[in-house]
Amino acid sequence: MSETLISYDDGSTYTVGENEEVYVAPKDTKLYTSQTYPKGNVIFRVRAPHAGRDYVDPETTTGSFTDVDDSGFSQACADFDTSVGFTFGYIYWKKSCDSNDDGEYNICDYYEPTGQATFQEIQYNKQCSSSDGS
């Protein structure tokens, strides 16, 4: 039997149990459960979204993919482990960090050329402007 694994943007996951079901609804939509009593009364209760997780990433000091320095560099993009395989986190990393779709995060992804003779400009031209990437 296969298992269903839910991956969240923050890197945490939840494995759906054997006797559990998953219901998907748009954000801010209320899901109700009902309880019928012997005299025929029915009570409806709003269900809170499931907050349980099997795994939560250890706290990192690198922040979010959108936290960048003056040059556009993101430490979170650089620290992300791309060897984990095809997960929602990896898809988010590809979208947020790997702008040239080469599978790695480097100066070609974050630096915007200025035309001025700076170390970053030289490195960018050497690494990103050549046809062989060297």
N, C-alpha and C. Protein backbone atom coordinates (compact mmCIF):
# COMPACT_ATOMS: atom_id res chain seq x y z
N MET A 1 0.85 -1.19 0.00
CA MET A 1 0.00 0.00 0.00
C MET A 1 0.89 1.25 0.00
N SER A 2 0.53 2.22 -0.79
CA SER A 2 1.32 3.46 -0.85
C SER A 2 0.84 4.43 0.22
N GLU A 3 1.71 5.36 0.55
CA GLU A 3 1.34 6.36 1.54
C GLU A 3 1.28 7.73 0.89
N THR A 4 0.48 8.60 1.48
CA THR A 4 0.35 9.96 0.99
C THR A 4 1.15 10.87 1.91
N LEU A 5 2.05 11.63 1.32
CA LEU A 5 2.90 12.54 2.07
C LEU A 5 2.57 13.96 1.65
N ILE A 6 2.26 14.81 2.61
CA ILE A 6 1.96 16.21 2.34
C ILE A 6 3.18 17.03 2.74
N SER A 7 3.71 17.81 1.79
CA SER A 7 4.87 18.66 2.04
C SER A 7 4.43 20.11 2.08
N TYR A 8 4.85 20.83 3.11
CA TYR A 8 4.48 22.23 3.28
C TYR A 8 5.64 23.13 2.86
N ASP A 9 5.31 24.39 2.52
CA ASP A 9 6.31 25.36 2.06
C ASP A 9 7.44 25.57 3.06
N ASP A 10 7.16 25.38 4.35
CA ASP A 10 8.20 25.61 5.35
C ASP A 10 9.14 24.42 5.51
N GLY A 11 8.96 23.37 4.69
CA GLY A 11 9.83 22.20 4.76
C GLY A 11 9.30 21.08 5.63
N SER A 12 8.23 21.32 6.39
CA SER A 12 7.66 20.28 7.23
C SER A 12 6.79 19.35 6.38
N THR A 13 6.55 18.15 6.91
CA THR A 13 5.73 17.17 6.19
C THR A 13 4.75 16.49 7.13
N TYR A 14 3.73 15.89 6.55
CA TYR A 14 2.78 15.06 7.30
C TYR A 14 2.45 13.84 6.46
N THR A 15 2.54 12.67 7.06
CA THR A 15 2.18 11.43 6.38
C THR A 15 0.77 11.06 6.79
N VAL A 16 -0.11 10.94 5.80
CA VAL A 16 -1.51 10.60 6.07
C VAL A 16 -1.56 9.15 6.54
N GLY A 17 -2.21 8.92 7.68
CA GLY A 17 -2.30 7.60 8.28
C GLY A 17 -3.22 6.66 7.50
N GLU A 18 -3.11 5.37 7.81
CA GLU A 18 -3.88 4.34 7.11
C GLU A 18 -5.39 4.56 7.22
N ASN A 19 -5.87 5.03 8.35
CA ASN A 19 -7.31 5.23 8.55
C ASN A 19 -7.71 6.70 8.48
N GLU A 20 -6.93 7.51 7.78
CA GLU A 20 -7.22 8.94 7.65
C GLU A 20 -7.60 9.25 6.21
N GLU A 21 -8.34 10.33 6.04
CA GLU A 21 -8.71 10.83 4.73
C GLU A 21 -8.28 12.28 4.62
N VAL A 22 -8.06 12.74 3.40
CA VAL A 22 -7.64 14.11 3.15
C VAL A 22 -8.76 14.84 2.43
N TYR A 23 -9.10 16.03 2.91
CA TYR A 23 -10.07 16.89 2.26
C TYR A 23 -9.39 18.19 1.90
N VAL A 24 -9.54 18.61 0.67
CA VAL A 24 -8.89 19.82 0.19
C VAL A 24 -9.95 20.86 -0.12
N ALA A 25 -9.75 22.07 0.37
CA ALA A 25 -10.70 23.17 0.14
C ALA A 25 -9.91 24.46 -0.01
N PRO A 26 -10.48 25.43 -0.71
CA PRO A 26 -9.81 26.73 -0.83
C PRO A 26 -9.56 27.35 0.55
N LYS A 27 -8.51 28.13 0.65
CA LYS A 27 -8.17 28.79 1.91
C LYS A 27 -9.36 29.60 2.41
N ASP A 28 -9.53 29.63 3.71
CA ASP A 28 -10.61 30.34 4.40
C ASP A 28 -11.99 29.75 4.15
N THR A 29 -12.06 28.53 3.59
CA THR A 29 -13.33 27.81 3.47
C THR A 29 -13.51 26.98 4.73
N LYS A 30 -14.71 26.96 5.29
CA LYS A 30 -14.95 26.22 6.52
C LYS A 30 -15.44 24.81 6.20
N LEU A 31 -14.89 23.84 6.93
CA LEU A 31 -15.31 22.45 6.83
C LEU A 31 -16.03 22.12 8.13
N TYR A 32 -17.20 21.51 8.00
CA TYR A 32 -18.01 21.20 9.17
C TYR A 32 -18.11 19.70 9.37
N THR A 33 -18.24 19.30 10.64
CA THR A 33 -18.60 17.92 10.97
C THR A 33 -19.94 17.99 11.68
N SER A 34 -20.68 16.90 11.60
CA SER A 34 -21.99 16.88 12.26
C SER A 34 -22.05 15.75 13.28
N GLN A 35 -22.86 15.96 14.29
CA GLN A 35 -23.10 14.94 15.30
C GLN A 35 -24.60 14.86 15.52
N THR A 36 -25.16 13.68 15.30
CA THR A 36 -26.61 13.47 15.45
C THR A 36 -26.87 12.81 16.80
N TYR A 37 -27.82 13.34 17.53
CA TYR A 37 -28.18 12.82 18.84
C TYR A 37 -29.43 11.95 18.74
N PRO A 38 -29.65 11.06 19.75
CA PRO A 38 -30.77 10.12 19.70
C PRO A 38 -32.15 10.78 19.52
N LYS A 39 -32.35 11.99 20.00
CA LYS A 39 -33.65 12.66 19.88
C LYS A 39 -33.79 13.38 18.54
N GLY A 40 -32.80 13.25 17.66
CA GLY A 40 -32.89 13.86 16.35
C GLY A 40 -32.16 15.18 16.18
N ASN A 41 -31.67 15.73 17.27
CA ASN A 41 -30.92 16.99 17.16
C ASN A 41 -29.61 16.75 16.43
N VAL A 42 -29.22 17.73 15.66
CA VAL A 42 -27.95 17.66 14.93
C VAL A 42 -27.14 18.91 15.26
N ILE A 43 -25.89 18.70 15.61
CA ILE A 43 -24.99 19.82 15.90
C ILE A 43 -23.88 19.81 14.86
N PHE A 44 -23.62 21.00 14.27
CA PHE A 44 -22.54 21.16 13.31
C PHE A 44 -21.41 21.92 13.97
N ARG A 45 -20.21 21.45 13.77
CA ARG A 45 -19.02 22.10 14.33
C ARG A 45 -18.02 22.37 13.22
N VAL A 46 -17.39 23.55 13.29
CA VAL A 46 -16.35 23.89 12.32
C VAL A 46 -15.08 23.14 12.69
N ARG A 47 -14.46 22.52 11.68
CA ARG A 47 -13.20 21.81 11.88
C ARG A 47 -12.04 22.76 11.64
N ALA A 48 -11.07 22.72 12.50
CA ALA A 48 -9.86 23.53 12.32
C ALA A 48 -8.94 22.79 11.35
N PRO A 49 -8.17 23.50 10.56
CA PRO A 49 -7.20 22.82 9.68
C PRO A 49 -6.23 21.98 10.51
N HIS A 50 -5.85 20.86 9.97
CA HIS A 50 -4.93 19.95 10.65
C HIS A 50 -3.57 20.61 10.79
N ALA A 51 -3.05 20.65 11.99
CA ALA A 51 -1.78 21.33 12.24
C ALA A 51 -0.64 20.36 12.52
N GLY A 52 -0.93 19.06 12.59
CA GLY A 52 0.10 18.08 12.91
C GLY A 52 1.13 17.92 11.82
N ARG A 53 2.35 17.61 12.21
CA ARG A 53 3.43 17.37 11.26
C ARG A 53 4.23 16.17 11.76
N ASP A 54 4.76 15.36 10.82
CA ASP A 54 5.67 14.26 11.16
C ASP A 54 7.09 14.78 11.32
N TYR A 55 7.42 15.72 10.44
CA TYR A 55 8.80 16.21 10.39
C TYR A 55 8.78 17.71 10.23
N VAL A 56 9.58 18.39 11.01
CA VAL A 56 9.74 19.83 10.90
C VAL A 56 11.23 20.09 10.73
N ASP A 57 11.60 20.84 9.69
CA ASP A 57 13.01 21.17 9.46
C ASP A 57 13.59 21.84 10.69
N PRO A 58 14.83 21.50 11.03
CA PRO A 58 15.48 22.22 12.13
C PRO A 58 15.54 23.71 11.80
N GLU A 59 15.49 24.51 12.82
CA GLU A 59 15.55 25.96 12.61
C GLU A 59 16.85 26.32 11.91
N THR A 60 16.74 27.14 10.90
CA THR A 60 17.94 27.60 10.21
C THR A 60 18.05 29.10 10.38
N THR A 61 19.25 29.59 10.24
CA THR A 61 19.47 31.02 10.36
C THR A 61 19.50 31.68 8.99
N THR A 62 19.22 30.89 7.95
CA THR A 62 19.36 31.44 6.60
C THR A 62 18.13 32.19 6.15
N GLY A 63 17.00 32.04 6.78
CA GLY A 63 15.81 32.80 6.44
C GLY A 63 15.09 32.28 5.22
N SER A 64 14.43 33.18 4.54
CA SER A 64 13.59 32.85 3.40
C SER A 64 14.36 33.03 2.09
N PHE A 65 13.87 32.37 1.04
CA PHE A 65 14.48 32.54 -0.29
C PHE A 65 14.42 34.00 -0.74
N THR A 66 13.46 34.75 -0.23
CA THR A 66 13.30 36.14 -0.65
C THR A 66 14.13 37.12 0.18
N ASP A 67 14.82 36.63 1.20
CA ASP A 67 15.72 37.47 1.99
C ASP A 67 17.05 37.59 1.23
N VAL A 68 17.30 38.75 0.66
CA VAL A 68 18.51 38.93 -0.16
C VAL A 68 19.33 40.12 0.34
N ASP A 69 20.62 40.08 0.03
CA ASP A 69 21.49 41.20 0.39
C ASP A 69 21.48 42.25 -0.73
N ASP A 70 22.36 43.22 -0.64
CA ASP A 70 22.39 44.32 -1.62
C ASP A 70 22.67 43.87 -3.05
N SER A 71 23.38 42.76 -3.19
CA SER A 71 23.71 42.28 -4.54
C SER A 71 22.64 41.32 -5.08
N GLY A 72 21.66 40.98 -4.24
CA GLY A 72 20.60 40.05 -4.67
C GLY A 72 20.83 38.63 -4.22
N PHE A 73 21.93 38.36 -3.49
CA PHE A 73 22.27 37.02 -3.02
C PHE A 73 21.36 36.59 -1.88
N SER A 74 20.87 35.35 -1.93
CA SER A 74 20.04 34.78 -0.86
C SER A 74 20.78 33.61 -0.21
N GLN A 75 21.07 33.73 1.07
CA GLN A 75 21.75 32.64 1.78
C GLN A 75 20.87 31.41 1.83
N ALA A 76 19.55 31.59 1.94
CA ALA A 76 18.64 30.44 1.98
C ALA A 76 18.69 29.67 0.66
N CYS A 77 18.77 30.38 -0.46
CA CYS A 77 18.89 29.70 -1.76
C CYS A 77 20.19 28.91 -1.82
N ALA A 78 21.28 29.51 -1.35
CA ALA A 78 22.58 28.84 -1.39
C ALA A 78 22.61 27.62 -0.47
N ASP A 79 21.92 27.67 0.66
CA ASP A 79 21.96 26.59 1.65
C ASP A 79 20.97 25.46 1.36
N PHE A 80 20.04 25.66 0.44
CA PHE A 80 19.01 24.66 0.20
C PHE A 80 19.63 23.37 -0.34
N ASP A 81 19.23 22.24 0.21
CA ASP A 81 19.74 20.93 -0.20
C ASP A 81 18.94 20.43 -1.40
N THR A 82 19.52 20.54 -2.60
CA THR A 82 18.82 20.12 -3.81
C THR A 82 18.88 18.61 -4.03
N SER A 83 19.60 17.89 -3.19
CA SER A 83 19.70 16.45 -3.35
C SER A 83 18.50 15.70 -2.79
N VAL A 84 17.55 16.41 -2.17
CA VAL A 84 16.39 15.76 -1.56
C VAL A 84 15.44 15.19 -2.60
N GLY A 85 15.59 15.58 -3.85
CA GLY A 85 14.71 15.07 -4.89
C GLY A 85 13.58 16.03 -5.18
N PHE A 86 12.63 15.54 -5.92
CA PHE A 86 11.53 16.36 -6.41
C PHE A 86 10.45 16.51 -5.33
N THR A 87 10.51 17.59 -4.57
CA THR A 87 9.54 17.87 -3.51
C THR A 87 8.95 19.25 -3.75
N PHE A 88 7.94 19.62 -2.97
CA PHE A 88 7.39 20.96 -3.09
C PHE A 88 8.44 22.01 -2.75
N GLY A 89 9.28 21.71 -1.76
CA GLY A 89 10.36 22.63 -1.41
C GLY A 89 11.32 22.83 -2.57
N TYR A 90 11.64 21.74 -3.27
CA TYR A 90 12.54 21.83 -4.43
C TYR A 90 11.90 22.65 -5.55
N ILE A 91 10.62 22.43 -5.79
CA ILE A 91 9.91 23.20 -6.82
C ILE A 91 9.94 24.68 -6.47
N TYR A 92 9.70 25.01 -5.19
CA TYR A 92 9.74 26.40 -4.73
C TYR A 92 11.14 26.98 -4.89
N TRP A 93 12.18 26.17 -4.59
CA TRP A 93 13.56 26.61 -4.76
C TRP A 93 13.84 26.91 -6.23
N LYS A 94 13.42 25.98 -7.12
CA LYS A 94 13.63 26.18 -8.56
C LYS A 94 13.00 27.49 -9.02
N LYS A 95 11.78 27.74 -8.56
CA LYS A 95 11.05 28.94 -8.98
C LYS A 95 11.68 30.21 -8.40
N SER A 96 12.08 30.15 -7.15
CA SER A 96 12.58 31.35 -6.46
C SER A 96 14.07 31.62 -6.67
N CYS A 97 14.86 30.56 -6.83
CA CYS A 97 16.31 30.73 -6.78
C CYS A 97 17.05 30.41 -8.09
N ASP A 98 16.62 29.39 -8.79
CA ASP A 98 17.36 28.93 -9.97
C ASP A 98 16.83 29.60 -11.23
N SER A 99 17.09 30.90 -11.36
CA SER A 99 16.48 31.69 -12.43
C SER A 99 16.95 31.29 -13.83
N ASN A 100 18.14 30.70 -13.96
CA ASN A 100 18.61 30.29 -15.29
C ASN A 100 18.42 28.79 -15.53
N ASP A 101 17.75 28.11 -14.60
CA ASP A 101 17.34 26.71 -14.75
C ASP A 101 18.50 25.76 -15.04
N ASP A 102 19.65 26.00 -14.35
CA ASP A 102 20.79 25.11 -14.56
C ASP A 102 20.96 24.12 -13.41
N GLY A 103 20.05 24.15 -12.43
CA GLY A 103 20.09 23.19 -11.33
C GLY A 103 21.02 23.57 -10.19
N GLU A 104 21.57 24.77 -10.22
CA GLU A 104 22.43 25.23 -9.13
C GLU A 104 22.20 26.72 -8.89
N TYR A 105 22.54 27.16 -7.69
CA TYR A 105 22.38 28.57 -7.33
C TYR A 105 23.76 29.20 -7.32
N ASN A 106 23.97 30.16 -8.23
CA ASN A 106 25.26 30.83 -8.31
C ASN A 106 25.04 32.27 -8.78
N ILE A 107 26.12 32.97 -9.05
CA ILE A 107 26.05 34.39 -9.41
C ILE A 107 25.18 34.62 -10.65
N CYS A 108 25.07 33.62 -11.50
CA CYS A 108 24.25 33.75 -12.72
C CYS A 108 22.76 33.89 -12.39
N ASP A 109 22.35 33.44 -11.19
CA ASP A 109 20.95 33.49 -10.79
C ASP A 109 20.56 34.80 -10.12
N TYR A 110 21.48 35.46 -9.46
CA TYR A 110 21.07 36.62 -8.67
C TYR A 110 21.69 37.95 -9.08
N TYR A 111 22.81 37.95 -9.76
CA TYR A 111 23.50 39.20 -10.06
C TYR A 111 22.95 39.87 -11.32
N GLU A 112 22.71 41.15 -11.23
CA GLU A 112 22.28 41.95 -12.38
C GLU A 112 23.48 42.76 -12.86
N PRO A 113 23.96 42.52 -14.09
CA PRO A 113 25.14 43.24 -14.60
C PRO A 113 24.93 44.76 -14.61
N THR A 114 26.00 45.48 -14.25
CA THR A 114 25.93 46.94 -14.18
C THR A 114 26.79 47.61 -15.26
N GLY A 115 27.74 46.87 -15.82
CA GLY A 115 28.64 47.45 -16.80
C GLY A 115 29.86 48.10 -16.16
N GLN A 116 29.94 48.09 -14.83
CA GLN A 116 31.08 48.67 -14.12
C GLN A 116 32.09 47.57 -13.81
N ALA A 117 33.36 47.92 -13.75
CA ALA A 117 34.42 46.95 -13.50
C ALA A 117 34.51 46.62 -12.01
N THR A 118 33.71 45.69 -11.57
CA THR A 118 33.74 45.23 -10.18
C THR A 118 34.07 43.74 -10.19
N PHE A 119 34.44 43.21 -9.03
CA PHE A 119 34.73 41.78 -8.94
C PHE A 119 33.51 40.96 -9.37
N GLN A 120 32.32 41.34 -8.90
CA GLN A 120 31.11 40.60 -9.25
C GLN A 120 30.82 40.66 -10.74
N GLU A 121 31.06 41.80 -11.34
CA GLU A 121 30.82 41.96 -12.78
C GLU A 121 31.76 41.05 -13.59
N ILE A 122 33.03 41.03 -13.19
CA ILE A 122 34.01 40.18 -13.87
C ILE A 122 33.64 38.71 -13.69
N GLN A 123 33.29 38.32 -12.47
CA GLN A 123 32.90 36.94 -12.19
C GLN A 123 31.65 36.55 -12.98
N TYR A 124 30.68 37.46 -13.02
CA TYR A 124 29.44 37.20 -13.77
C TYR A 124 29.76 37.00 -15.25
N ASN A 125 30.55 37.90 -15.82
CA ASN A 125 30.90 37.80 -17.24
C ASN A 125 31.67 36.51 -17.55
N LYS A 126 32.58 36.14 -16.65
CA LYS A 126 33.36 34.93 -16.85
C LYS A 126 32.48 33.68 -16.75
N GLN A 127 31.64 33.63 -15.74
CA GLN A 127 30.87 32.42 -15.46
C GLN A 127 29.58 32.32 -16.27
N CYS A 128 28.94 33.44 -16.53
CA CYS A 128 27.58 33.40 -17.08
C CYS A 128 27.48 33.81 -18.55
N SER A 129 28.47 34.49 -19.05
CA SER A 129 28.40 34.97 -20.43
C SER A 129 29.06 34.03 -21.42
N SER A 130 29.88 33.11 -20.94
CA SER A 130 30.54 32.18 -21.86
C SER A 130 29.58 31.06 -22.23
N SER A 131 29.74 30.50 -23.40
CA SER A 131 28.84 29.47 -23.89
C SER A 131 29.01 28.14 -23.15
N ASP A 132 30.20 27.88 -22.60
CA ASP A 132 30.42 26.60 -21.92
C ASP A 132 30.26 26.72 -20.41
N GLY A 133 29.96 27.91 -19.87
CA GLY A 133 29.73 28.11 -18.44
C GLY A 133 30.97 28.12 -17.60
N SER A 134 32.15 28.12 -18.21
CA SER A 134 33.37 28.09 -17.41
C SER A 134 33.94 29.49 -17.26
